[in-house]
Amino acid sequence: MLTTHLFSEQCDFTEDQTAEMNVKVLDFEHFLPMLQTVAKNKDQGTYEDYVEGLRVFDKEGNGTVMGAEIRHVLVTLGEKMTEEEVEMLVAGHEDSNGCINYEELVRMVLNG
């Protein structure tokens, strides 16, 4: 949840304006520009963030995750993907054991 302080930094509000925000109701007309400003500055994550997130599923500590597990995570958690999107993403990345090197997968996704 964003605090008044964060909004004031993101949207260049003065202290008087942020004090007003603490006692007034915000209508949609004034909220939308703030939302757009915050959305533009959204942190997309780094290579290390994604690798660290997938490392949790690396049960053997060998740099791979079962393809089935990645599929399940991508269609059920966070910003859910469709099964078709996931299949396109992981196509050609599974080895003969059904495992995916998640560092290579993240590198491929981030590099387009």
N, C-alpha and C. Protein backbone atom coordinates (compact mmCIF):
# COMPACT_ATOMS: atom_id res chain seq x y z
N MET A 1 0.85 -1.18 0.00
CA MET A 1 0.00 0.00 0.00
C MET A 1 0.89 1.24 0.00
N LEU A 2 0.55 2.17 -0.85
CA LEU A 2 1.35 3.39 -0.95
C LEU A 2 0.96 4.37 0.14
N THR A 3 1.92 4.99 0.74
CA THR A 3 1.65 5.98 1.77
C THR A 3 1.54 7.36 1.15
N THR A 4 1.03 8.29 1.95
CA THR A 4 0.95 9.67 1.48
C THR A 4 2.33 10.19 1.11
N HIS A 5 3.35 9.80 1.90
CA HIS A 5 4.71 10.24 1.62
C HIS A 5 5.17 9.77 0.25
N LEU A 6 4.91 8.51 -0.08
CA LEU A 6 5.31 7.98 -1.39
C LEU A 6 4.57 8.71 -2.49
N PHE A 7 3.26 8.93 -2.32
CA PHE A 7 2.50 9.65 -3.33
C PHE A 7 3.06 11.06 -3.51
N SER A 8 3.42 11.71 -2.42
CA SER A 8 3.94 13.07 -2.55
C SER A 8 5.25 13.08 -3.31
N GLU A 9 6.10 12.07 -3.10
CA GLU A 9 7.36 12.00 -3.84
C GLU A 9 7.11 11.68 -5.31
N GLN A 10 6.23 10.73 -5.58
CA GLN A 10 5.96 10.29 -6.95
C GLN A 10 5.26 11.38 -7.76
N CYS A 11 4.38 12.14 -7.12
CA CYS A 11 3.52 13.07 -7.85
C CYS A 11 3.87 14.53 -7.60
N ASP A 12 4.97 14.80 -6.91
CA ASP A 12 5.43 16.16 -6.66
C ASP A 12 4.38 17.03 -5.96
N PHE A 13 3.73 16.49 -4.93
CA PHE A 13 2.79 17.27 -4.14
C PHE A 13 3.54 18.04 -3.07
N THR A 14 3.02 19.22 -2.73
CA THR A 14 3.62 19.98 -1.63
C THR A 14 3.13 19.41 -0.31
N GLU A 15 3.76 19.85 0.79
CA GLU A 15 3.33 19.37 2.12
C GLU A 15 1.89 19.77 2.40
N ASP A 16 1.50 20.98 1.99
CA ASP A 16 0.12 21.42 2.20
C ASP A 16 -0.86 20.52 1.45
N GLN A 17 -0.50 20.15 0.23
CA GLN A 17 -1.37 19.29 -0.55
C GLN A 17 -1.48 17.90 0.08
N THR A 18 -0.37 17.37 0.58
CA THR A 18 -0.44 16.04 1.21
C THR A 18 -1.21 16.11 2.52
N ALA A 19 -1.12 17.22 3.25
CA ALA A 19 -1.91 17.38 4.47
C ALA A 19 -3.39 17.39 4.13
N GLU A 20 -3.75 18.06 3.05
CA GLU A 20 -5.14 18.06 2.59
C GLU A 20 -5.60 16.65 2.25
N MET A 21 -4.72 15.85 1.68
CA MET A 21 -5.08 14.49 1.29
C MET A 21 -5.44 13.64 2.51
N ASN A 22 -4.92 13.99 3.67
CA ASN A 22 -5.21 13.22 4.88
C ASN A 22 -6.63 13.44 5.40
N VAL A 23 -7.28 14.51 4.98
CA VAL A 23 -8.61 14.83 5.51
C VAL A 23 -9.69 14.92 4.44
N LYS A 24 -9.37 14.78 3.20
CA LYS A 24 -10.35 14.92 2.14
C LYS A 24 -10.58 13.59 1.44
N VAL A 25 -11.74 13.49 0.83
CA VAL A 25 -12.05 12.35 -0.02
C VAL A 25 -11.49 12.67 -1.41
N LEU A 26 -10.93 11.67 -2.03
CA LEU A 26 -10.32 11.85 -3.34
C LEU A 26 -11.27 11.34 -4.40
N ASP A 27 -11.66 12.21 -5.33
CA ASP A 27 -12.54 11.74 -6.39
C ASP A 27 -11.72 11.15 -7.53
N PHE A 28 -12.40 10.44 -8.41
CA PHE A 28 -11.72 9.72 -9.48
C PHE A 28 -10.94 10.66 -10.39
N GLU A 29 -11.48 11.83 -10.64
CA GLU A 29 -10.82 12.80 -11.52
C GLU A 29 -9.43 13.16 -11.02
N HIS A 30 -9.25 13.23 -9.71
CA HIS A 30 -7.95 13.56 -9.14
C HIS A 30 -7.10 12.31 -8.89
N PHE A 31 -7.78 11.17 -8.71
CA PHE A 31 -7.07 9.93 -8.44
C PHE A 31 -6.38 9.39 -9.69
N LEU A 32 -7.04 9.47 -10.84
CA LEU A 32 -6.51 8.88 -12.07
C LEU A 32 -5.12 9.38 -12.43
N PRO A 33 -4.84 10.69 -12.41
CA PRO A 33 -3.48 11.13 -12.73
C PRO A 33 -2.42 10.58 -11.77
N MET A 34 -2.79 10.44 -10.48
CA MET A 34 -1.84 9.87 -9.52
C MET A 34 -1.59 8.41 -9.84
N LEU A 35 -2.65 7.67 -10.15
CA LEU A 35 -2.51 6.26 -10.50
C LEU A 35 -1.64 6.09 -11.74
N GLN A 36 -1.85 6.92 -12.74
CA GLN A 36 -1.05 6.83 -13.96
C GLN A 36 0.42 7.10 -13.68
N THR A 37 0.71 8.06 -12.82
CA THR A 37 2.10 8.37 -12.48
C THR A 37 2.76 7.20 -11.78
N VAL A 38 2.06 6.61 -10.81
CA VAL A 38 2.62 5.48 -10.07
C VAL A 38 2.78 4.27 -10.99
N ALA A 39 1.81 4.03 -11.87
CA ALA A 39 1.87 2.88 -12.77
C ALA A 39 3.06 2.99 -13.73
N LYS A 40 3.39 4.19 -14.17
CA LYS A 40 4.52 4.38 -15.07
C LYS A 40 5.85 4.05 -14.40
N ASN A 41 5.92 4.24 -13.09
CA ASN A 41 7.15 4.00 -12.35
C ASN A 41 7.21 2.62 -11.73
N LYS A 42 6.35 1.75 -12.15
CA LYS A 42 6.26 0.41 -11.58
C LYS A 42 7.56 -0.36 -11.81
N ASP A 43 8.10 -0.92 -10.75
CA ASP A 43 9.33 -1.70 -10.84
C ASP A 43 9.03 -3.03 -11.52
N GLN A 44 9.71 -3.32 -12.60
CA GLN A 44 9.46 -4.54 -13.36
C GLN A 44 10.28 -5.72 -12.85
N GLY A 45 11.17 -5.51 -11.94
CA GLY A 45 11.99 -6.60 -11.44
C GLY A 45 13.26 -6.75 -12.27
N THR A 46 14.25 -7.38 -11.66
CA THR A 46 15.53 -7.60 -12.33
C THR A 46 15.73 -9.08 -12.59
N TYR A 47 16.75 -9.39 -13.33
CA TYR A 47 17.13 -10.78 -13.59
C TYR A 47 17.27 -11.53 -12.27
N GLU A 48 17.97 -10.91 -11.32
CA GLU A 48 18.21 -11.55 -10.02
C GLU A 48 16.90 -11.80 -9.27
N ASP A 49 15.95 -10.86 -9.37
CA ASP A 49 14.66 -11.02 -8.71
C ASP A 49 13.94 -12.27 -9.22
N TYR A 50 13.90 -12.42 -10.54
CA TYR A 50 13.19 -13.55 -11.14
C TYR A 50 13.89 -14.87 -10.84
N VAL A 51 15.21 -14.88 -10.94
CA VAL A 51 15.96 -16.11 -10.65
C VAL A 51 15.75 -16.50 -9.19
N GLU A 52 15.82 -15.54 -8.29
CA GLU A 52 15.62 -15.83 -6.87
C GLU A 52 14.22 -16.39 -6.62
N GLY A 53 13.23 -15.84 -7.32
CA GLY A 53 11.86 -16.34 -7.18
C GLY A 53 11.71 -17.77 -7.65
N LEU A 54 12.38 -18.12 -8.73
CA LEU A 54 12.30 -19.49 -9.25
C LEU A 54 13.18 -20.45 -8.48
N ARG A 55 14.22 -19.95 -7.87
CA ARG A 55 15.14 -20.80 -7.10
C ARG A 55 14.40 -21.52 -5.96
N VAL A 56 13.35 -20.92 -5.47
CA VAL A 56 12.53 -21.52 -4.41
C VAL A 56 12.01 -22.89 -4.84
N PHE A 57 11.76 -23.06 -6.14
CA PHE A 57 11.21 -24.31 -6.65
C PHE A 57 12.30 -25.30 -7.07
N ASP A 58 13.55 -24.90 -6.95
CA ASP A 58 14.69 -25.76 -7.32
C ASP A 58 15.02 -26.68 -6.14
N LYS A 59 14.30 -27.78 -6.08
CA LYS A 59 14.41 -28.69 -4.93
C LYS A 59 15.76 -29.38 -4.81
N GLU A 60 16.43 -29.59 -5.95
CA GLU A 60 17.71 -30.29 -5.93
C GLU A 60 18.90 -29.33 -5.95
N GLY A 61 18.64 -28.04 -6.09
CA GLY A 61 19.72 -27.06 -6.09
C GLY A 61 20.64 -27.15 -7.28
N ASN A 62 20.11 -27.63 -8.42
CA ASN A 62 20.95 -27.82 -9.60
C ASN A 62 20.66 -26.82 -10.73
N GLY A 63 19.88 -25.77 -10.43
CA GLY A 63 19.60 -24.76 -11.44
C GLY A 63 18.44 -25.09 -12.35
N THR A 64 17.70 -26.16 -12.03
CA THR A 64 16.55 -26.52 -12.85
C THR A 64 15.30 -26.68 -12.00
N VAL A 65 14.17 -26.53 -12.66
CA VAL A 65 12.86 -26.71 -12.04
C VAL A 65 12.04 -27.57 -12.99
N MET A 66 11.21 -28.42 -12.43
CA MET A 66 10.35 -29.25 -13.28
C MET A 66 9.46 -28.35 -14.13
N GLY A 67 9.38 -28.67 -15.42
CA GLY A 67 8.55 -27.89 -16.33
C GLY A 67 7.10 -27.85 -15.87
N ALA A 68 6.60 -28.98 -15.35
CA ALA A 68 5.22 -29.03 -14.87
C ALA A 68 5.00 -28.04 -13.73
N GLU A 69 5.99 -27.89 -12.88
CA GLU A 69 5.86 -26.97 -11.75
C GLU A 69 5.85 -25.52 -12.23
N ILE A 70 6.72 -25.19 -13.19
CA ILE A 70 6.71 -23.83 -13.74
C ILE A 70 5.37 -23.55 -14.40
N ARG A 71 4.86 -24.52 -15.16
CA ARG A 71 3.56 -24.33 -15.80
C ARG A 71 2.49 -24.04 -14.75
N HIS A 72 2.47 -24.84 -13.70
CA HIS A 72 1.47 -24.68 -12.65
C HIS A 72 1.57 -23.29 -12.01
N VAL A 73 2.77 -22.87 -11.67
CA VAL A 73 2.97 -21.57 -11.03
C VAL A 73 2.51 -20.44 -11.94
N LEU A 74 2.86 -20.50 -13.21
CA LEU A 74 2.54 -19.40 -14.13
C LEU A 74 1.05 -19.28 -14.42
N VAL A 75 0.31 -20.38 -14.35
CA VAL A 75 -1.13 -20.29 -14.62
C VAL A 75 -1.96 -20.07 -13.36
N THR A 76 -1.36 -20.21 -12.18
CA THR A 76 -2.16 -20.09 -10.96
C THR A 76 -1.76 -18.95 -10.03
N LEU A 77 -0.55 -18.43 -10.11
CA LEU A 77 -0.09 -17.41 -9.16
C LEU A 77 0.17 -16.07 -9.83
N GLY A 78 0.04 -15.01 -9.07
CA GLY A 78 0.40 -13.66 -9.54
C GLY A 78 -0.42 -13.23 -10.73
N GLU A 79 0.25 -12.64 -11.71
CA GLU A 79 -0.41 -12.24 -12.94
C GLU A 79 -0.52 -13.49 -13.81
N LYS A 80 -1.64 -14.18 -13.66
CA LYS A 80 -1.82 -15.49 -14.27
C LYS A 80 -1.71 -15.44 -15.79
N MET A 81 -1.05 -16.44 -16.33
CA MET A 81 -0.93 -16.60 -17.78
C MET A 81 -1.88 -17.71 -18.21
N THR A 82 -2.26 -17.71 -19.48
CA THR A 82 -3.07 -18.82 -19.99
C THR A 82 -2.15 -20.01 -20.24
N GLU A 83 -2.74 -21.19 -20.35
CA GLU A 83 -1.93 -22.38 -20.63
C GLU A 83 -1.22 -22.25 -21.97
N GLU A 84 -1.87 -21.62 -22.94
CA GLU A 84 -1.25 -21.43 -24.26
C GLU A 84 -0.03 -20.51 -24.16
N GLU A 85 -0.15 -19.44 -23.40
CA GLU A 85 0.98 -18.52 -23.21
C GLU A 85 2.15 -19.23 -22.54
N VAL A 86 1.85 -20.04 -21.54
CA VAL A 86 2.91 -20.76 -20.83
C VAL A 86 3.58 -21.76 -21.77
N GLU A 87 2.81 -22.47 -22.57
CA GLU A 87 3.39 -23.44 -23.51
C GLU A 87 4.32 -22.75 -24.50
N MET A 88 3.92 -21.58 -24.99
CA MET A 88 4.78 -20.84 -25.91
C MET A 88 6.06 -20.40 -25.21
N LEU A 89 5.96 -20.03 -23.95
CA LEU A 89 7.11 -19.56 -23.19
C LEU A 89 8.13 -20.67 -22.94
N VAL A 90 7.67 -21.85 -22.54
CA VAL A 90 8.59 -22.91 -22.16
C VAL A 90 8.94 -23.85 -23.30
N ALA A 91 8.32 -23.67 -24.46
CA ALA A 91 8.58 -24.55 -25.60
C ALA A 91 10.07 -24.61 -25.92
N GLY A 92 10.61 -25.82 -25.97
CA GLY A 92 12.00 -26.03 -26.32
C GLY A 92 12.98 -25.85 -25.18
N HIS A 93 12.50 -25.59 -23.98
CA HIS A 93 13.39 -25.36 -22.84
C HIS A 93 13.50 -26.55 -21.90
N GLU A 94 12.65 -27.55 -22.08
CA GLU A 94 12.70 -28.72 -21.19
C GLU A 94 13.75 -29.70 -21.68
N ASP A 95 14.48 -30.27 -20.72
CA ASP A 95 15.44 -31.32 -21.07
C ASP A 95 14.73 -32.67 -21.10
N SER A 96 15.49 -33.74 -21.29
CA SER A 96 14.90 -35.08 -21.41
C SER A 96 14.21 -35.54 -20.13
N ASN A 97 14.50 -34.90 -19.01
CA ASN A 97 13.86 -35.25 -17.74
C ASN A 97 12.67 -34.35 -17.42
N GLY A 98 12.33 -33.45 -18.33
CA GLY A 98 11.21 -32.54 -18.09
C GLY A 98 11.58 -31.34 -17.25
N CYS A 99 12.88 -31.08 -17.10
CA CYS A 99 13.35 -29.95 -16.28
C CYS A 99 13.72 -28.77 -17.16
N ILE A 100 13.61 -27.57 -16.58
CA ILE A 100 13.95 -26.33 -17.28
C ILE A 100 15.01 -25.59 -16.48
N ASN A 101 16.08 -25.18 -17.18
CA ASN A 101 17.10 -24.34 -16.55
C ASN A 101 16.48 -22.95 -16.41
N TYR A 102 16.14 -22.57 -15.18
CA TYR A 102 15.38 -21.34 -14.98
C TYR A 102 16.22 -20.09 -15.22
N GLU A 103 17.53 -20.14 -15.05
CA GLU A 103 18.35 -18.96 -15.35
C GLU A 103 18.33 -18.67 -16.85
N GLU A 104 18.43 -19.72 -17.67
CA GLU A 104 18.36 -19.54 -19.12
C GLU A 104 16.98 -19.04 -19.54
N LEU A 105 15.94 -19.58 -18.90
CA LEU A 105 14.57 -19.16 -19.23
C LEU A 105 14.38 -17.68 -18.91
N VAL A 106 14.81 -17.24 -17.75
CA VAL A 106 14.67 -15.83 -17.37
C VAL A 106 15.47 -14.95 -18.32
N ARG A 107 16.69 -15.36 -18.65
CA ARG A 107 17.53 -14.59 -19.58
C ARG A 107 16.82 -14.44 -20.92
N MET A 108 16.23 -15.53 -21.42
CA MET A 108 15.54 -15.51 -22.70
C MET A 108 14.33 -14.56 -22.64
N VAL A 109 13.56 -14.64 -21.56
CA VAL A 109 12.37 -13.80 -21.44
C VAL A 109 12.76 -12.32 -21.36
N LEU A 110 13.75 -11.99 -20.57
CA LEU A 110 14.14 -10.59 -20.41
C LEU A 110 14.80 -10.01 -21.65
N ASN A 111 15.47 -10.85 -22.43
CA ASN A 111 16.13 -10.37 -23.65
C ASN A 111 15.21 -10.37 -24.85
N GLY A 112 14.02 -10.91 -24.68
CA GLY A 112 13.02 -10.91 -25.75
C GLY A 112 13.36 -11.93 -26.75
